[in-house]
Amino acid sequence: MASVVTRIDPDRLYAPAKYILAGKGKRFRPHLVLSASASFDGDRHVALKAAAAVEVFHIFTLVHDDIMDRADTRRGRETIHLKWDEPTAILTGDYLFGKTIELLLAFPEPRLRQAISLLAETVRHLCEGQVRDMAFEERDDVTLEEYLVMIDQKTSALLECSLMLGGLSGSATEDDLANLKQIGHHLGRAFQIQDDLLDLIAESEQWGKPVGGDLMAAKKTWLLLNALAGSGEHSEWFERMLARGGARAEEINEARRRMEAMGIIESAREAVIFHSGEAMNLILTLPSGDGQDSLVALTQKMQQRLH
């Protein structure tokens, strides 16, 4: 990915951009672009540019997220604002956003206008979702429905965009694009609920970060909101935990035990299976071929991921 940055001067801008783009990642979103493109006989050159664009855009959001979260590491390496400084990180993110648009210019008209419009809509959704997520930190009355709206904007929106850009590189009709959007919607919900679940039950060696970190930070996740929505001793325990600012490290096993007793762990697994199953059903309506096969494999891999 670092090869998309061809400039070297000033080094203060382009060195951090290459650094962050060279980091390891699953490249899930670019795979969605290429798979959707293959489903609709897309232009390979345009699809590759669009795939690079969504990954560059995703990394741009991570750079700015790391600043807001005061994160020290990203994908096992120092974050840009720590390795350099915060102004450099902000400018690097801004540059990567501009690079995203530059890469999308590979689309011919009239698809170019649709692609840029889709990106603009995705930016709006991501920003709205981030603001909602930030507001949740200050509220004790967040509902599960509000949480789902937030993850639809923060997680599903870019998956929807990736699939639709792939379709736009080929012969996808408006109905096809609407179908791809729904696939992305369900994949996003499955991905985020799985992420919430793994934060509590993953093996630490696989997860790569402290298990139970969300509970220690009192983060409003699918699991915690379901626990708070219940009644009885277990729900009261989570209410007290939230009131004092989160769980202690030594309480994580107890939190997991209580969520298992409440059936929340199993419900989370069922939600992941439901949304990935809905995505799979829609994928099977796409034109058969390598693109469809790839999307099936990606969905199965996502559902089964351990980290």
C-alpha atoms as a PDB file:
ATOM      1  CA  MET A   1       0.000   0.000   0.000  1.00  0.00           C
ATOM      2  CA  ALA A   2       2.873   2.378   0.700  1.00  0.00           C
ATOM      3  CA  SER A   3       3.622   2.433  -3.034  1.00  0.00           C
ATOM      4  CA  VAL A   4       0.596   4.679  -3.675  1.00  0.00           C
ATOM      5  CA  VAL A   5       2.642   7.496  -2.113  1.00  0.00           C
ATOM      6  CA  THR A   6       5.147   8.509  -4.779  1.00  0.00           C
ATOM      7  CA  ARG A   7       6.322  11.853  -3.398  1.00  0.00           C
ATOM      8  CA  ILE A   8       9.167  12.225  -0.903  1.00  0.00           C
ATOM      9  CA  ASP A   9       9.427  15.975  -0.184  1.00  0.00           C
ATOM     10  CA  PRO A  10       8.587  17.169   2.403  1.00  0.00           C
ATOM     11  CA  ASP A  11       9.671  14.077   4.256  1.00  0.00           C
ATOM     12  CA  ARG A  12       7.714  15.176   7.340  1.00  0.00           C
ATOM     13  CA  LEU A  13       4.479  14.484   5.427  1.00  0.00           C
ATOM     14  CA  TYR A  14       5.279  11.591   3.136  1.00  0.00           C
ATOM     15  CA  ALA A  15       7.411   9.494   5.522  1.00  0.00           C
ATOM     16  CA  PRO A  16       4.560   9.065   8.058  1.00  0.00           C
ATOM     17  CA  ALA A  17       2.095   8.413   5.224  1.00  0.00           C
ATOM     18  CA  LYS A  18       4.277   5.590   3.881  1.00  0.00           C
ATOM     19  CA  TYR A  19       4.868   4.335   7.410  1.00  0.00           C
ATOM     20  CA  ILE A  20       1.190   3.931   8.234  1.00  0.00           C
ATOM     21  CA  LEU A  21       0.307   2.479   4.837  1.00  0.00           C
ATOM     22  CA  ALA A  22       3.041  -0.147   5.208  1.00  0.00           C
ATOM     23  CA  GLY A  23       1.453  -1.526   8.385  1.00  0.00           C
ATOM     24  CA  LYS A  24      -0.144  -4.961   8.477  1.00  0.00           C
ATOM     25  CA  GLY A  25      -3.871  -5.232   8.017  1.00  0.00           C
ATOM     26  CA  LYS A  26      -6.558  -7.678   6.934  1.00  0.00           C
ATOM     27  CA  ARG A  27      -7.361  -5.670   3.766  1.00  0.00           C
ATOM     28  CA  PHE A  28     -10.963  -6.792   4.163  1.00  0.00           C
ATOM     29  CA  ARG A  29     -12.425  -3.724   2.455  1.00  0.00           C
ATOM     30  CA  PRO A  30     -10.234  -3.906  -0.691  1.00  0.00           C
ATOM     31  CA  HIS A  31     -11.226  -7.572  -1.034  1.00  0.00           C
ATOM     32  CA  LEU A  32     -14.870  -6.523  -0.970  1.00  0.00           C
ATOM     33  CA  VAL A  33     -14.245  -4.030  -3.795  1.00  0.00           C
ATOM     34  CA  LEU A  34     -12.475  -6.580  -5.983  1.00  0.00           C
ATOM     35  CA  SER A  35     -15.020  -9.328  -5.311  1.00  0.00           C
ATOM     36  CA  ALA A  36     -17.991  -7.094  -6.111  1.00  0.00           C
ATOM     37  CA  SER A  37     -16.209  -5.849  -9.219  1.00  0.00           C
ATOM     38  CA  ALA A  38     -15.617  -9.415 -10.412  1.00  0.00           C
ATOM     39  CA  SER A  39     -19.323 -10.160  -9.885  1.00  0.00           C
ATOM     40  CA  PHE A  40     -20.242  -7.468 -12.403  1.00  0.00           C
ATOM     41  CA  ASP A  41     -17.402  -7.820 -14.941  1.00  0.00           C
ATOM     42  CA  GLY A  42     -15.710  -4.681 -13.653  1.00  0.00           C
ATOM     43  CA  ASP A  43     -12.788  -2.867 -15.212  1.00  0.00           C
ATOM     44  CA  ARG A  44      -9.752  -4.361 -13.445  1.00  0.00           C
ATOM     45  CA  HIS A  45      -7.743  -1.129 -13.495  1.00  0.00           C
ATOM     46  CA  VAL A  46     -10.613   0.879 -12.008  1.00  0.00           C
ATOM     47  CA  ALA A  47     -11.337  -1.815  -9.420  1.00  0.00           C
ATOM     48  CA  LEU A  48      -7.710  -1.904  -8.249  1.00  0.00           C
ATOM     49  CA  LYS A  49      -7.679   1.877  -7.847  1.00  0.00           C
ATOM     50  CA  ALA A  50     -10.978   1.755  -5.949  1.00  0.00           C
ATOM     51  CA  ALA A  51      -9.662  -1.042  -3.725  1.00  0.00           C
ATOM     52  CA  ALA A  52      -6.605   1.042  -2.890  1.00  0.00           C
ATOM     53  CA  ALA A  53      -8.845   4.055  -2.286  1.00  0.00           C
ATOM     54  CA  VAL A  54     -11.013   2.357   0.351  1.00  0.00           C
ATOM     55  CA  GLU A  55      -7.958   1.054   2.219  1.00  0.00           C
ATOM     56  CA  VAL A  56      -6.254   4.460   2.145  1.00  0.00           C
ATOM     57  CA  PHE A  57      -9.491   6.023   3.348  1.00  0.00           C
ATOM     58  CA  HIS A  58      -9.843   3.445   6.130  1.00  0.00           C
ATOM     59  CA  ILE A  59      -6.286   4.122   7.281  1.00  0.00           C
ATOM     60  CA  PHE A  60      -6.972   7.872   7.217  1.00  0.00           C
ATOM     61  CA  THR A  61      -9.835   7.328   9.664  1.00  0.00           C
ATOM     62  CA  LEU A  62      -7.575   5.211  11.898  1.00  0.00           C
ATOM     63  CA  VAL A  63      -4.930   7.949  12.036  1.00  0.00           C
ATOM     64  CA  HIS A  64      -7.485  10.469  13.259  1.00  0.00           C
ATOM     65  CA  ASP A  65      -9.140   7.894  15.572  1.00  0.00           C
ATOM     66  CA  ASP A  66      -5.766   7.253  17.217  1.00  0.00           C
ATOM     67  CA  ILE A  67      -5.407  10.959  17.948  1.00  0.00           C
ATOM     68  CA  MET A  68      -8.867  11.148  19.512  1.00  0.00           C
ATOM     69  CA  ASP A  69      -8.306   7.947  21.506  1.00  0.00           C
ATOM     70  CA  ARG A  70      -4.751   8.874  22.527  1.00  0.00           C
ATOM     71  CA  ALA A  71      -3.718   5.412  21.322  1.00  0.00           C
ATOM     72  CA  ASP A  72      -0.057   4.458  21.558  1.00  0.00           C
ATOM     73  CA  THR A  73      -0.029   1.584  19.072  1.00  0.00           C
ATOM     74  CA  ARG A  74      -1.766   0.616  15.856  1.00  0.00           C
ATOM     75  CA  ARG A  75      -1.297  -2.816  14.302  1.00  0.00           C
ATOM     76  CA  GLY A  76       1.642  -3.517  16.580  1.00  0.00           C
ATOM     77  CA  ARG A  77       3.534  -0.287  15.848  1.00  0.00           C
ATOM     78  CA  GLU A  78       3.677   3.219  17.268  1.00  0.00           C
ATOM     79  CA  THR A  79       0.907   5.517  16.153  1.00  0.00           C
ATOM     80  CA  ILE A  80       1.874   8.510  14.009  1.00  0.00           C
ATOM     81  CA  HIS A  81       1.072  11.115  16.650  1.00  0.00           C
ATOM     82  CA  LEU A  82       3.377   9.283  19.051  1.00  0.00           C
ATOM     83  CA  LYS A  83       6.205   8.519  16.606  1.00  0.00           C
ATOM     84  CA  TRP A  84       6.089  12.049  15.176  1.00  0.00           C
ATOM     85  CA  ASP A  85       3.586  14.479  16.743  1.00  0.00           C
ATOM     86  CA  GLU A  86      -0.104  15.331  16.690  1.00  0.00           C
ATOM     87  CA  PRO A  87      -0.004  18.079  14.003  1.00  0.00           C
ATOM     88  CA  THR A  88       1.927  15.717  11.720  1.00  0.00           C
ATOM     89  CA  ALA A  89      -0.665  12.990  12.300  1.00  0.00           C
ATOM     90  CA  ILE A  90      -3.544  15.354  11.480  1.00  0.00           C
ATOM     91  CA  LEU A  91      -1.866  16.484   8.258  1.00  0.00           C
ATOM     92  CA  THR A  92      -1.004  12.908   7.308  1.00  0.00           C
ATOM     93  CA  GLY A  93      -4.645  11.947   7.701  1.00  0.00           C
ATOM     94  CA  ASP A  94      -5.732  14.935   5.626  1.00  0.00           C
ATOM     95  CA  TYR A  95      -3.275  13.955   2.902  1.00  0.00           C
ATOM     96  CA  LEU A  96      -4.567  10.361   2.868  1.00  0.00           C
ATOM     97  CA  PHE A  97      -8.125  11.614   2.456  1.00  0.00           C
ATOM     98  CA  GLY A  98      -7.009  13.646  -0.556  1.00  0.00           C
ATOM     99  CA  LYS A  99      -5.216  10.572  -1.916  1.00  0.00           C
ATOM    100  CA  THR A 100      -8.475   8.644  -1.653  1.00  0.00           C
ATOM    101  CA  ILE A 101     -10.182  11.092  -3.996  1.00  0.00           C
ATOM    102  CA  GLU A 102      -7.210  11.025  -6.360  1.00  0.00           C
ATOM    103  CA  LEU A 103      -7.428   7.231  -6.629  1.00  0.00           C
ATOM    104  CA  LEU A 104     -11.168   7.355  -7.305  1.00  0.00           C
ATOM    105  CA  LEU A 105     -10.541   9.586 -10.317  1.00  0.00           C
ATOM    106  CA  ALA A 106      -9.832   6.350 -12.210  1.00  0.00           C
ATOM    107  CA  PHE A 107     -13.618   5.962 -12.588  1.00  0.00           C
ATOM    108  CA  PRO A 108     -14.903   7.164 -15.962  1.00  0.00           C
ATOM    109  CA  GLU A 109     -17.941   9.405 -16.249  1.00  0.00           C
ATOM    110  CA  PRO A 110     -20.773   9.043 -15.330  1.00  0.00           C
ATOM    111  CA  ARG A 111     -19.600   6.486 -12.754  1.00  0.00           C
ATOM    112  CA  LEU A 112     -17.056   8.966 -11.401  1.00  0.00           C
ATOM    113  CA  ARG A 113     -19.784  11.270 -10.155  1.00  0.00           C
ATOM    114  CA  GLN A 114     -21.524   8.341  -8.444  1.00  0.00           C
ATOM    115  CA  ALA A 115     -18.271   7.179  -6.840  1.00  0.00           C
ATOM    116  CA  ILE A 116     -17.423  10.609  -5.429  1.00  0.00           C
ATOM    117  CA  SER A 117     -20.993  11.099  -4.216  1.00  0.00           C
ATOM    118  CA  LEU A 118     -20.849   7.702  -2.508  1.00  0.00           C
ATOM    119  CA  LEU A 119     -17.593   8.617  -0.765  1.00  0.00           C
ATOM    120  CA  ALA A 120     -19.061  11.928   0.435  1.00  0.00           C
ATOM    121  CA  GLU A 121     -22.091  10.124   1.869  1.00  0.00           C
ATOM    122  CA  THR A 122     -19.809   7.610   3.586  1.00  0.00           C
ATOM    123  CA  VAL A 123     -17.769  10.403   5.173  1.00  0.00           C
ATOM    124  CA  ARG A 124     -20.970  11.913   6.551  1.00  0.00           C
ATOM    125  CA  HIS A 125     -22.083   8.593   8.006  1.00  0.00           C
ATOM    126  CA  LEU A 126     -18.686   7.917   9.582  1.00  0.00           C
ATOM    127  CA  CYS A 127     -18.546  11.352  11.188  1.00  0.00           C
ATOM    128  CA  GLU A 128     -22.103  11.024  12.514  1.00  0.00           C
ATOM    129  CA  GLY A 129     -21.269   7.598  13.908  1.00  0.00           C
ATOM    130  CA  GLN A 130     -18.109   8.828  15.579  1.00  0.00           C
ATOM    131  CA  VAL A 131     -19.947  11.710  17.241  1.00  0.00           C
ATOM    132  CA  ARG A 132     -22.622   9.304  18.489  1.00  0.00           C
ATOM    133  CA  ASP A 133     -19.933   6.989  19.878  1.00  0.00           C
ATOM    134  CA  MET A 134     -18.255   9.893  21.665  1.00  0.00           C
ATOM    135  CA  ALA A 135     -21.586  11.017  23.133  1.00  0.00           C
ATOM    136  CA  PHE A 136     -22.236   7.486  24.408  1.00  0.00           C
ATOM    137  CA  GLU A 137     -19.214   7.839  26.707  1.00  0.00           C
ATOM    138  CA  GLU A 138     -21.053  10.551  28.654  1.00  0.00           C
ATOM    139  CA  ARG A 139     -24.445   8.827  28.820  1.00  0.00           C
ATOM    140  CA  ASP A 140     -25.782   6.005  30.974  1.00  0.00           C
ATOM    141  CA  ASP A 141     -29.066   5.657  29.063  1.00  0.00           C
ATOM    142  CA  VAL A 142     -27.795   4.443  25.675  1.00  0.00           C
ATOM    143  CA  THR A 143     -30.203   1.975  24.075  1.00  0.00           C
ATOM    144  CA  LEU A 144     -29.326  -1.023  21.951  1.00  0.00           C
ATOM    145  CA  GLU A 145     -31.166   0.562  19.023  1.00  0.00           C
ATOM    146  CA  GLU A 146     -28.996   3.680  19.294  1.00  0.00           C
ATOM    147  CA  TYR A 147     -25.922   1.473  19.376  1.00  0.00           C
ATOM    148  CA  LEU A 148     -26.992  -0.317  16.190  1.00  0.00           C
ATOM    149  CA  VAL A 149     -27.485   3.032  14.425  1.00  0.00           C
ATOM    150  CA  MET A 150     -23.973   3.996  15.509  1.00  0.00           C
ATOM    151  CA  ILE A 151     -22.328   0.811  14.186  1.00  0.00           C
ATOM    152  CA  ASP A 152     -24.314   1.078  10.965  1.00  0.00           C
ATOM    153  CA  GLN A 153     -22.593   4.426  10.472  1.00  0.00           C
ATOM    154  CA  LYS A 154     -19.139   3.673  11.899  1.00  0.00           C
ATOM    155  CA  THR A 155     -18.668   0.125  10.591  1.00  0.00           C
ATOM    156  CA  SER A 156     -21.251  -0.833   7.973  1.00  0.00           C
ATOM    157  CA  ALA A 157     -21.028   2.392   5.957  1.00  0.00           C
ATOM    158  CA  LEU A 158     -17.495   1.767   4.657  1.00  0.00           C
ATOM    159  CA  LEU A 159     -18.257  -1.889   3.881  1.00  0.00           C
ATOM    160  CA  GLU A 160     -21.316  -0.757   1.926  1.00  0.00           C
ATOM    161  CA  CYS A 161     -19.168   1.810   0.119  1.00  0.00           C
ATOM    162  CA  SER A 162     -16.522  -0.802  -0.730  1.00  0.00           C
ATOM    163  CA  LEU A 163     -19.027  -3.195  -2.271  1.00  0.00           C
ATOM    164  CA  MET A 164     -20.835  -0.467  -4.184  1.00  0.00           C
ATOM    165  CA  LEU A 165     -17.596   0.957  -5.598  1.00  0.00           C
ATOM    166  CA  GLY A 166     -16.801  -2.535  -6.843  1.00  0.00           C
ATOM    167  CA  GLY A 167     -20.192  -2.704  -8.506  1.00  0.00           C
ATOM    168  CA  LEU A 168     -19.722   0.746 -10.025  1.00  0.00           C
ATOM    169  CA  SER A 169     -16.513  -0.443 -11.702  1.00  0.00           C
ATOM    170  CA  GLY A 170     -18.671  -2.844 -13.703  1.00  0.00           C
ATOM    171  CA  SER A 171     -22.206  -3.287 -14.932  1.00  0.00           C
ATOM    172  CA  ALA A 172     -24.105  -3.100 -11.631  1.00  0.00           C
ATOM    173  CA  THR A 173     -27.558  -1.525 -11.932  1.00  0.00           C
ATOM    174  CA  GLU A 174     -29.246   0.595  -9.277  1.00  0.00           C
ATOM    175  CA  ASP A 175     -30.974  -2.539  -7.974  1.00  0.00           C
ATOM    176  CA  ASP A 176     -27.620  -4.330  -7.857  1.00  0.00           C
ATOM    177  CA  LEU A 177     -26.090  -1.438  -5.926  1.00  0.00           C
ATOM    178  CA  ALA A 178     -28.967  -1.511  -3.441  1.00  0.00           C
ATOM    179  CA  ASN A 179     -28.340  -5.242  -2.971  1.00  0.00           C
ATOM    180  CA  LEU A 180     -24.612  -4.668  -2.411  1.00  0.00           C
ATOM    181  CA  LYS A 181     -25.453  -1.972   0.124  1.00  0.00           C
ATOM    182  CA  GLN A 182     -27.597  -4.426   2.104  1.00  0.00           C
ATOM    183  CA  ILE A 183     -24.820  -7.006   2.031  1.00  0.00           C
ATOM    184  CA  GLY A 184     -22.456  -4.404   3.503  1.00  0.00           C
ATOM    185  CA  HIS A 185     -25.041  -3.463   6.126  1.00  0.00           C
ATOM    186  CA  HIS A 186     -25.300  -7.019   7.446  1.00  0.00           C
ATOM    187  CA  LEU A 187     -21.569  -7.687   7.189  1.00  0.00           C
ATOM    188  CA  GLY A 188     -20.912  -4.541   9.218  1.00  0.00           C
ATOM    189  CA  ARG A 189     -23.278  -5.567  11.991  1.00  0.00           C
ATOM    190  CA  ALA A 190     -21.833  -9.080  12.098  1.00  0.00           C
ATOM    191  CA  PHE A 191     -18.275  -7.747  12.119  1.00  0.00           C
ATOM    192  CA  GLN A 192     -18.851  -5.271  14.960  1.00  0.00           C
ATOM    193  CA  ILE A 193     -20.844  -7.596  17.198  1.00  0.00           C
ATOM    194  CA  GLN A 194     -18.149 -10.236  16.666  1.00  0.00           C
ATOM    195  CA  ASP A 195     -15.556  -7.607  17.593  1.00  0.00           C
ATOM    196  CA  ASP A 196     -17.439  -6.779  20.797  1.00  0.00           C
ATOM    197  CA  LEU A 197     -17.666 -10.480  21.634  1.00  0.00           C
ATOM    198  CA  LEU A 198     -14.001 -11.215  20.965  1.00  0.00           C
ATOM    199  CA  ASP A 199     -12.963  -8.361  23.223  1.00  0.00           C
ATOM    200  CA  LEU A 200     -14.334 -10.413  26.108  1.00  0.00           C
ATOM    201  CA  ILE A 201     -13.737 -14.040  25.099  1.00  0.00           C
ATOM    202  CA  ALA A 202     -10.692 -14.075  22.789  1.00  0.00           C
ATOM    203  CA  GLU A 203      -7.435 -15.670  23.821  1.00  0.00           C
ATOM    204  CA  SER A 204      -5.054 -12.787  24.537  1.00  0.00           C
ATOM    205  CA  GLU A 205      -2.357 -14.165  22.221  1.00  0.00           C
ATOM    206  CA  GLN A 206      -4.816 -14.124  19.323  1.00  0.00           C
ATOM    207  CA  TRP A 207      -6.525 -10.855  20.188  1.00  0.00           C
ATOM    208  CA  GLY A 208      -3.310  -8.827  20.415  1.00  0.00           C
ATOM    209  CA  LYS A 209      -4.640  -6.506  23.152  1.00  0.00           C
ATOM    210  CA  PRO A 210      -5.911  -6.863  26.709  1.00  0.00           C
ATOM    211  CA  VAL A 211      -9.020  -9.048  26.863  1.00  0.00           C
ATOM    212  CA  GLY A 212     -11.893  -7.130  28.434  1.00  0.00           C
ATOM    213  CA  GLY A 213     -10.494  -3.758  27.415  1.00  0.00           C
ATOM    214  CA  ASP A 214     -13.950  -2.486  26.442  1.00  0.00           C
ATOM    215  CA  LEU A 215     -15.372  -3.273  29.880  1.00  0.00           C
ATOM    216  CA  MET A 216     -12.390  -1.712  31.625  1.00  0.00           C
ATOM    217  CA  ALA A 217     -13.010   1.444  29.589  1.00  0.00           C
ATOM    218  CA  ALA A 218     -16.781   1.249  30.263  1.00  0.00           C
ATOM    219  CA  LYS A 219     -17.348   1.247  26.516  1.00  0.00           C
ATOM    220  CA  LYS A 220     -20.984   0.841  25.481  1.00  0.00           C
ATOM    221  CA  THR A 221     -20.849  -2.371  23.444  1.00  0.00           C
ATOM    222  CA  TRP A 222     -23.514  -4.787  22.250  1.00  0.00           C
ATOM    223  CA  LEU A 223     -22.705  -7.069  25.185  1.00  0.00           C
ATOM    224  CA  LEU A 224     -22.731  -4.421  27.912  1.00  0.00           C
ATOM    225  CA  LEU A 225     -25.935  -2.791  26.678  1.00  0.00           C
ATOM    226  CA  ASN A 226     -27.684  -6.161  26.691  1.00  0.00           C
ATOM    227  CA  ALA A 227     -26.405  -6.806  30.203  1.00  0.00           C
ATOM    228  CA  LEU A 228     -27.705  -3.439  31.411  1.00  0.00           C
ATOM    229  CA  ALA A 229     -31.070  -3.992  29.722  1.00  0.00           C
ATOM    230  CA  GLY A 230     -31.721  -7.056  31.874  1.00  0.00           C
ATOM    231  CA  SER A 231     -32.871  -7.253  35.446  1.00  0.00           C
ATOM    232  CA  GLY A 232     -31.739  -8.932  38.618  1.00  0.00           C
ATOM    233  CA  GLU A 233     -28.412  -9.460  40.345  1.00  0.00           C
ATOM    234  CA  HIS A 234     -26.268  -9.699  37.214  1.00  0.00           C
ATOM    235  CA  SER A 235     -27.595  -6.495  35.644  1.00  0.00           C
ATOM    236  CA  GLU A 236     -27.146  -4.658  38.923  1.00  0.00           C
ATOM    237  CA  TRP A 237     -23.524  -5.828  39.040  1.00  0.00           C
ATOM    238  CA  PHE A 238     -22.889  -4.290  35.602  1.00  0.00           C
ATOM    239  CA  GLU A 239     -24.684  -1.090  36.628  1.00  0.00           C
ATOM    240  CA  ARG A 240     -22.348  -0.710  39.601  1.00  0.00           C
ATOM    241  CA  MET A 241     -19.353  -1.464  37.422  1.00  0.00           C
ATOM    242  CA  LEU A 242     -20.391   1.232  34.940  1.00  0.00           C
ATOM    243  CA  ALA A 243     -21.104   3.765  37.703  1.00  0.00           C
ATOM    244  CA  ARG A 244     -17.519   3.551  38.961  1.00  0.00           C
ATOM    245  CA  GLY A 245     -16.023   3.964  35.497  1.00  0.00           C
ATOM    246  CA  GLY A 246     -15.499   0.410  34.291  1.00  0.00           C
ATOM    247  CA  ALA A 247     -14.335  -3.017  35.342  1.00  0.00           C
ATOM    248  CA  ARG A 248     -11.032  -3.761  37.011  1.00  0.00           C
ATOM    249  CA  ALA A 249      -8.717  -6.228  35.260  1.00  0.00           C
ATOM    250  CA  GLU A 250      -9.320  -8.855  37.929  1.00  0.00           C
ATOM    251  CA  GLU A 251     -13.095  -8.606  37.352  1.00  0.00           C
ATOM    252  CA  ILE A 252     -13.077  -9.573  33.665  1.00  0.00           C
ATOM    253  CA  ASN A 253     -13.499 -13.295  34.305  1.00  0.00           C
ATOM    254  CA  GLU A 254     -16.394 -12.527  36.631  1.00  0.00           C
ATOM    255  CA  ALA A 255     -17.988 -10.290  33.985  1.00  0.00           C
ATOM    256  CA  ARG A 256     -17.656 -13.058  31.407  1.00  0.00           C
ATOM    257  CA  ARG A 257     -19.199 -15.590  33.807  1.00  0.00           C
ATOM    258  CA  ARG A 258     -22.154 -13.297  34.491  1.00  0.00           C
ATOM    259  CA  MET A 259     -22.733 -12.612  30.786  1.00  0.00           C
ATOM    260  CA  GLU A 260     -22.650 -16.344  30.087  1.00  0.00           C
ATOM    261  CA  ALA A 261     -25.206 -16.892  32.854  1.00  0.00           C
ATOM    262  CA  MET A 262     -27.439 -14.196  31.325  1.00  0.00           C
ATOM    263  CA  GLY A 263     -27.186 -15.849  27.889  1.00  0.00           C
ATOM    264  CA  ILE A 264     -25.559 -12.761  26.385  1.00  0.00           C
ATOM    265  CA  ILE A 265     -22.483 -14.550  25.037  1.00  0.00           C
ATOM    266  CA  GLU A 266     -24.665 -17.029  23.178  1.00  0.00           C
ATOM    267  CA  SER A 267     -26.986 -14.252  21.971  1.00  0.00           C
ATOM    268  CA  ALA A 268     -24.009 -12.391  20.549  1.00  0.00           C
ATOM    269  CA  ARG A 269     -22.918 -15.494  18.652  1.00  0.00           C
ATOM    270  CA  GLU A 270     -26.459 -15.885  17.335  1.00  0.00           C
ATOM    271  CA  ALA A 271     -26.521 -12.246  16.203  1.00  0.00           C
ATOM    272  CA  VAL A 272     -23.257 -12.738  14.303  1.00  0.00           C
ATOM    273  CA  ILE A 273     -24.665 -15.878  12.662  1.00  0.00           C
ATOM    274  CA  PHE A 274     -27.916 -14.095  11.798  1.00  0.00           C
ATOM    275  CA  HIS A 275     -26.343 -11.055  10.130  1.00  0.00           C
ATOM    276  CA  SER A 276     -23.650 -13.018   8.319  1.00  0.00           C
ATOM    277  CA  GLY A 277     -26.392 -15.421   7.188  1.00  0.00           C
ATOM    278  CA  GLU A 278     -28.472 -12.526   5.857  1.00  0.00           C
ATOM    279  CA  ALA A 279     -25.422 -11.258   3.994  1.00  0.00           C
ATOM    280  CA  MET A 280     -24.782 -14.743   2.605  1.00  0.00           C
ATOM    281  CA  ASN A 281     -28.351 -15.058   1.320  1.00  0.00           C
ATOM    282  CA  LEU A 282     -27.985 -11.781  -0.551  1.00  0.00           C
ATOM    283  CA  ILE A 283     -24.555 -12.734  -1.894  1.00  0.00           C
ATOM    284  CA  LEU A 284     -26.070 -15.872  -3.390  1.00  0.00           C
ATOM    285  CA  THR A 285     -28.393 -13.689  -5.489  1.00  0.00           C
ATOM    286  CA  LEU A 286     -25.398 -12.079  -7.215  1.00  0.00           C
ATOM    287  CA  PRO A 287     -24.172 -13.356 -10.596  1.00  0.00           C
ATOM    288  CA  SER A 288     -22.386 -16.672 -10.068  1.00  0.00           C
ATOM    289  CA  GLY A 289     -18.652 -16.825 -10.592  1.00  0.00           C
ATOM    290  CA  ASP A 290     -15.360 -15.929  -8.944  1.00  0.00           C
ATOM    291  CA  GLY A 291     -16.700 -12.717  -7.434  1.00  0.00           C
ATOM    292  CA  GLN A 292     -19.584 -14.435  -5.689  1.00  0.00           C
ATOM    293  CA  ASP A 293     -17.316 -17.278  -4.536  1.00  0.00           C
ATOM    294  CA  SER A 294     -14.887 -14.766  -3.061  1.00  0.00           C
ATOM    295  CA  LEU A 295     -17.638 -12.951  -1.159  1.00  0.00           C
ATOM    296  CA  VAL A 296     -18.919 -16.241   0.226  1.00  0.00           C
ATOM    297  CA  ALA A 297     -15.410 -17.136   1.420  1.00  0.00           C
ATOM    298  CA  LEU A 298     -14.867 -13.678   2.951  1.00  0.00           C
ATOM    299  CA  THR A 299     -18.165 -13.880   4.831  1.00  0.00           C
ATOM    300  CA  GLN A 300     -17.374 -17.325   6.187  1.00  0.00           C
ATOM    301  CA  LYS A 301     -13.887 -16.228   7.225  1.00  0.00           C
ATOM    302  CA  MET A 302     -15.244 -13.146   8.967  1.00  0.00           C
ATOM    303  CA  GLN A 303     -17.833 -15.183  10.863  1.00  0.00           C
ATOM    304  CA  GLN A 304     -15.192 -17.623  12.062  1.00  0.00           C
ATOM    305  CA  ARG A 305     -12.436 -15.121  12.911  1.00  0.00           C
ATOM    306  CA  LEU A 306     -10.705 -15.400  16.255  1.00  0.00           C
ATOM    307  CA  HIS A 307      -9.117 -11.926  16.237  1.00  0.00           C
END
